[in-house]
Amino acid sequence: MSSGNSNKKLGKILQHRDMQAILFKFFFAIQKKMFNFNFSENKHRVSFHY
């Protein structure tokens, strides 16, 4: 099992611009959801509908 080889492959995938965009969107969506959840908890259940 050569873990170095799989790490190189993973690095190449992450370097791909489309993959970075997908990861960024995914991360941003999670951040937004968490923020909205916390915000709604603080403000007596304000619901956000997109």
PDB file of N, CA and C in Angstrom:
ATOM      1  N   MET A   1       0.849  -1.199   0.000  1.00  0.00           N
ATOM      2  CA  MET A   1       0.000   0.000   0.000  1.00  0.00           C
ATOM      3  C   MET A   1       0.888   1.254   0.000  1.00  0.00           C
ATOM      4  N   SER A   2       0.884   1.980  -1.101  1.00  0.00           N
ATOM      5  CA  SER A   2       1.678   3.204  -1.154  1.00  0.00           C
ATOM      6  C   SER A   2       0.747   4.402  -0.960  1.00  0.00           C
ATOM      7  N   SER A   3       0.746   4.927   0.241  1.00  0.00           N
ATOM      8  CA  SER A   3      -0.160   6.029   0.553  1.00  0.00           C
ATOM      9  C   SER A   3       0.289   7.314  -0.134  1.00  0.00           C
ATOM     10  N   GLY A   4       1.593   7.407  -0.443  1.00  0.00           N
ATOM     11  CA  GLY A   4       2.113   8.591  -1.128  1.00  0.00           C
ATOM     12  C   GLY A   4       1.468   8.768  -2.489  1.00  0.00           C
ATOM     13  N   ASN A   5       1.231   7.647  -3.183  1.00  0.00           N
ATOM     14  CA  ASN A   5       0.644   7.712  -4.519  1.00  0.00           C
ATOM     15  C   ASN A   5      -0.792   8.223  -4.458  1.00  0.00           C
ATOM     16  N   SER A   6      -1.563   7.731  -3.504  1.00  0.00           N
ATOM     17  CA  SER A   6      -2.959   8.151  -3.389  1.00  0.00           C
ATOM     18  C   SER A   6      -3.038   9.612  -2.945  1.00  0.00           C
ATOM     19  N   ASN A   7      -2.078  10.032  -2.134  1.00  0.00           N
ATOM     20  CA  ASN A   7      -2.037  11.438  -1.721  1.00  0.00           C
ATOM     21  C   ASN A   7      -1.788  12.346  -2.915  1.00  0.00           C
ATOM     22  N   LYS A   8      -0.897  11.903  -3.814  1.00  0.00           N
ATOM     23  CA  LYS A   8      -0.606  12.683  -5.022  1.00  0.00           C
ATOM     24  C   LYS A   8      -1.859  12.797  -5.879  1.00  0.00           C
ATOM     25  N   LYS A   9      -2.584  11.676  -5.979  1.00  0.00           N
ATOM     26  CA  LYS A   9      -3.805  11.660  -6.789  1.00  0.00           C
ATOM     27  C   LYS A   9      -4.823  12.635  -6.196  1.00  0.00           C
ATOM     28  N   LEU A  10      -4.974  12.586  -4.881  1.00  0.00           N
ATOM     29  CA  LEU A  10      -5.921  13.463  -4.198  1.00  0.00           C
ATOM     30  C   LEU A  10      -5.542  14.924  -4.415  1.00  0.00           C
ATOM     31  N   GLY A  11      -4.236  15.207  -4.332  1.00  0.00           N
ATOM     32  CA  GLY A  11      -3.752  16.567  -4.557  1.00  0.00           C
ATOM     33  C   GLY A  11      -4.090  17.059  -5.949  1.00  0.00           C
ATOM     34  N   LYS A  12      -3.931  16.169  -6.948  1.00  0.00           N
ATOM     35  CA  LYS A  12      -4.237  16.548  -8.334  1.00  0.00           C
ATOM     36  C   LYS A  12      -5.723  16.840  -8.489  1.00  0.00           C
ATOM     37  N   ILE A  13      -6.558  16.046  -7.834  1.00  0.00           N
ATOM     38  CA  ILE A  13      -8.009  16.259  -7.905  1.00  0.00           C
ATOM     39  C   ILE A  13      -8.360  17.609  -7.276  1.00  0.00           C
ATOM     40  N   LEU A  14      -7.755  17.886  -6.113  1.00  0.00           N
ATOM     41  CA  LEU A  14      -8.056  19.134  -5.413  1.00  0.00           C
ATOM     42  C   LEU A  14      -7.534  20.351  -6.163  1.00  0.00           C
ATOM     43  N   GLN A  15      -6.466  20.160  -6.957  1.00  0.00           N
ATOM     44  CA  GLN A  15      -5.926  21.270  -7.739  1.00  0.00           C
ATOM     45  C   GLN A  15      -6.859  21.636  -8.890  1.00  0.00           C
ATOM     46  N   HIS A  16      -7.691  20.695  -9.281  1.00  0.00           N
ATOM     47  CA  HIS A  16      -8.605  20.942 -10.395  1.00  0.00           C
ATOM     48  C   HIS A  16      -9.564  22.071 -10.034  1.00  0.00           C
ATOM     49  N   ARG A  17      -9.690  23.026 -10.921  1.00  0.00           N
ATOM     50  CA  ARG A  17     -10.436  24.250 -10.603  1.00  0.00           C
ATOM     51  C   ARG A  17     -11.905  23.964 -10.315  1.00  0.00           C
ATOM     52  N   ASP A  18     -12.505  23.078 -11.091  1.00  0.00           N
ATOM     53  CA  ASP A  18     -13.921  22.755 -10.890  1.00  0.00           C
ATOM     54  C   ASP A  18     -14.139  22.138  -9.518  1.00  0.00           C
ATOM     55  N   MET A  19     -13.202  21.273  -9.114  1.00  0.00           N
ATOM     56  CA  MET A  19     -13.322  20.617  -7.818  1.00  0.00           C
ATOM     57  C   MET A  19     -13.251  21.647  -6.700  1.00  0.00           C
ATOM     58  N   GLN A  20     -12.356  22.612  -6.845  1.00  0.00           N
ATOM     59  CA  GLN A  20     -12.233  23.667  -5.841  1.00  0.00           C
ATOM     60  C   GLN A  20     -13.521  24.471  -5.750  1.00  0.00           C
ATOM     61  N   ALA A  21     -14.117  24.745  -6.908  1.00  0.00           N
ATOM     62  CA  ALA A  21     -15.362  25.510  -6.937  1.00  0.00           C
ATOM     63  C   ALA A  21     -16.474  24.753  -6.230  1.00  0.00           C
ATOM     64  N   ILE A  22     -16.541  23.446  -6.484  1.00  0.00           N
ATOM     65  CA  ILE A  22     -17.566  22.607  -5.855  1.00  0.00           C
ATOM     66  C   ILE A  22     -17.374  22.582  -4.343  1.00  0.00           C
ATOM     67  N   LEU A  23     -16.127  22.379  -3.919  1.00  0.00           N
ATOM     68  CA  LEU A  23     -15.834  22.338  -2.486  1.00  0.00           C
ATOM     69  C   LEU A  23     -16.157  23.674  -1.833  1.00  0.00           C
ATOM     70  N   PHE A  24     -15.832  24.767  -2.519  1.00  0.00           N
ATOM     71  CA  PHE A  24     -16.087  26.099  -1.977  1.00  0.00           C
ATOM     72  C   PHE A  24     -17.583  26.336  -1.820  1.00  0.00           C
ATOM     73  N   LYS A  25     -18.338  25.971  -2.857  1.00  0.00           N
ATOM     74  CA  LYS A  25     -19.797  26.144  -2.800  1.00  0.00           C
ATOM     75  C   LYS A  25     -20.390  25.310  -1.680  1.00  0.00           C
ATOM     76  N   PHE A  26     -19.901  24.070  -1.559  1.00  0.00           N
ATOM     77  CA  PHE A  26     -20.382  23.157  -0.530  1.00  0.00           C
ATOM     78  C   PHE A  26     -20.101  23.734   0.856  1.00  0.00           C
ATOM     79  N   PHE A  27     -18.874  24.199   1.056  1.00  0.00           N
ATOM     80  CA  PHE A  27     -18.467  24.771   2.335  1.00  0.00           C
ATOM     81  C   PHE A  27     -19.280  26.023   2.643  1.00  0.00           C
ATOM     82  N   PHE A  28     -19.454  26.873   1.628  1.00  0.00           N
ATOM     83  CA  PHE A  28     -20.187  28.123   1.802  1.00  0.00           C
ATOM     84  C   PHE A  28     -21.644  27.844   2.165  1.00  0.00           C
ATOM     85  N   ALA A  29     -22.230  26.829   1.517  1.00  0.00           N
ATOM     86  CA  ALA A  29     -23.624  26.472   1.792  1.00  0.00           C
ATOM     87  C   ALA A  29     -23.780  26.009   3.235  1.00  0.00           C
ATOM     88  N   ILE A  30     -22.818  25.221   3.706  1.00  0.00           N
ATOM     89  CA  ILE A  30     -22.868  24.735   5.089  1.00  0.00           C
ATOM     90  C   ILE A  30     -22.742  25.909   6.057  1.00  0.00           C
ATOM     91  N   GLN A  31     -21.809  26.814   5.769  1.00  0.00           N
ATOM     92  CA  GLN A  31     -21.604  27.977   6.627  1.00  0.00           C
ATOM     93  C   GLN A  31     -22.886  28.809   6.699  1.00  0.00           C
ATOM     94  N   LYS A  32     -23.525  28.994   5.547  1.00  0.00           N
ATOM     95  CA  LYS A  32     -24.737  29.798   5.469  1.00  0.00           C
ATOM     96  C   LYS A  32     -25.855  29.137   6.275  1.00  0.00           C
ATOM     97  N   LYS A  33     -25.971  27.813   6.128  1.00  0.00           N
ATOM     98  CA  LYS A  33     -27.009  27.074   6.852  1.00  0.00           C
ATOM     99  C   LYS A  33     -26.798  27.187   8.352  1.00  0.00           C
ATOM    100  N   MET A  34     -25.550  27.033   8.779  1.00  0.00           N
ATOM    101  CA  MET A  34     -25.250  27.099  10.205  1.00  0.00           C
ATOM    102  C   MET A  34     -25.525  28.494  10.740  1.00  0.00           C
ATOM    103  N   PHE A  35     -25.165  29.510   9.957  1.00  0.00           N
ATOM    104  CA  PHE A  35     -25.401  30.893  10.365  1.00  0.00           C
ATOM    105  C   PHE A  35     -26.901  31.153  10.480  1.00  0.00           C
ATOM    106  N   ASN A  36     -27.648  30.720   9.488  1.00  0.00           N
ATOM    107  CA  ASN A  36     -29.094  30.921   9.494  1.00  0.00           C
ATOM    108  C   ASN A  36     -29.737  30.188  10.654  1.00  0.00           C
ATOM    109  N   PHE A  37     -29.238  28.991  10.953  1.00  0.00           N
ATOM    110  CA  PHE A  37     -29.783  28.214  12.063  1.00  0.00           C
ATOM    111  C   PHE A  37     -29.537  28.937  13.379  1.00  0.00           C
ATOM    112  N   ASN A  38     -28.310  29.390  13.576  1.00  0.00           N
ATOM    113  CA  ASN A  38     -27.969  30.108  14.802  1.00  0.00           C
ATOM    114  C   ASN A  38     -28.767  31.398  14.908  1.00  0.00           C
ATOM    115  N   PHE A  39     -28.901  32.086  13.783  1.00  0.00           N
ATOM    116  CA  PHE A  39     -29.630  33.351  13.739  1.00  0.00           C
ATOM    117  C   PHE A  39     -31.092  33.119  14.108  1.00  0.00           C
ATOM    118  N   SER A  40     -31.683  32.066  13.541  1.00  0.00           N
ATOM    119  CA  SER A  40     -33.094  31.788  13.799  1.00  0.00           C
ATOM    120  C   SER A  40     -33.292  31.342  15.243  1.00  0.00           C
ATOM    121  N   GLU A  41     -32.320  30.632  15.797  1.00  0.00           N
ATOM    122  CA  GLU A  41     -32.417  30.215  17.196  1.00  0.00           C
ATOM    123  C   GLU A  41     -32.430  31.451  18.090  1.00  0.00           C
ATOM    124  N   ASN A  42     -31.598  32.425  17.748  1.00  0.00           N
ATOM    125  CA  ASN A  42     -31.484  33.624  18.572  1.00  0.00           C
ATOM    126  C   ASN A  42     -32.705  34.522  18.433  1.00  0.00           C
ATOM    127  N   LYS A  43     -33.316  34.527  17.274  1.00  0.00           N
ATOM    128  CA  LYS A  43     -34.396  35.481  16.991  1.00  0.00           C
ATOM    129  C   LYS A  43     -35.776  34.820  17.013  1.00  0.00           C
ATOM    130  N   HIS A  44     -36.033  34.001  17.998  1.00  0.00           N
ATOM    131  CA  HIS A  44     -37.346  33.369  18.136  1.00  0.00           C
ATOM    132  C   HIS A  44     -37.806  32.685  16.859  1.00  0.00           C
ATOM    133  N   ARG A  45     -36.971  31.787  16.352  1.00  0.00           N
ATOM    134  CA  ARG A  45     -37.384  30.950  15.225  1.00  0.00           C
ATOM    135  C   ARG A  45     -37.736  31.732  13.963  1.00  0.00           C
ATOM    136  N   VAL A  46     -36.858  32.612  13.551  1.00  0.00           N
ATOM    137  CA  VAL A  46     -37.032  33.265  12.250  1.00  0.00           C
ATOM    138  C   VAL A  46     -36.677  32.241  11.187  1.00  0.00           C
ATOM    139  N   SER A  47     -37.571  32.015  10.253  1.00  0.00           N
ATOM    140  CA  SER A  47     -37.311  30.984   9.242  1.00  0.00           C
ATOM    141  C   SER A  47     -36.856  31.624   7.942  1.00  0.00           C
ATOM    142  N   PHE A  48     -35.836  31.000   7.336  1.00  0.00           N
ATOM    143  CA  PHE A  48     -35.313  31.500   6.065  1.00  0.00           C
ATOM    144  C   PHE A  48     -35.750  30.564   4.958  1.00  0.00           C
ATOM    145  N   HIS A  49     -36.410  31.101   3.954  1.00  0.00           N
ATOM    146  CA  HIS A  49     -36.826  30.275   2.816  1.00  0.00           C
ATOM    147  C   HIS A  49     -36.236  30.856   1.544  1.00  0.00           C
ATOM    148  N   TYR A  50     -35.498  30.010   0.810  1.00  0.00           N
ATOM    149  CA  TYR A  50     -34.866  30.480  -0.424  1.00  0.00           C
ATOM    150  C   TYR A  50     -35.605  29.902  -1.608  1.00  0.00           C
TER     151      TYR A  50
END
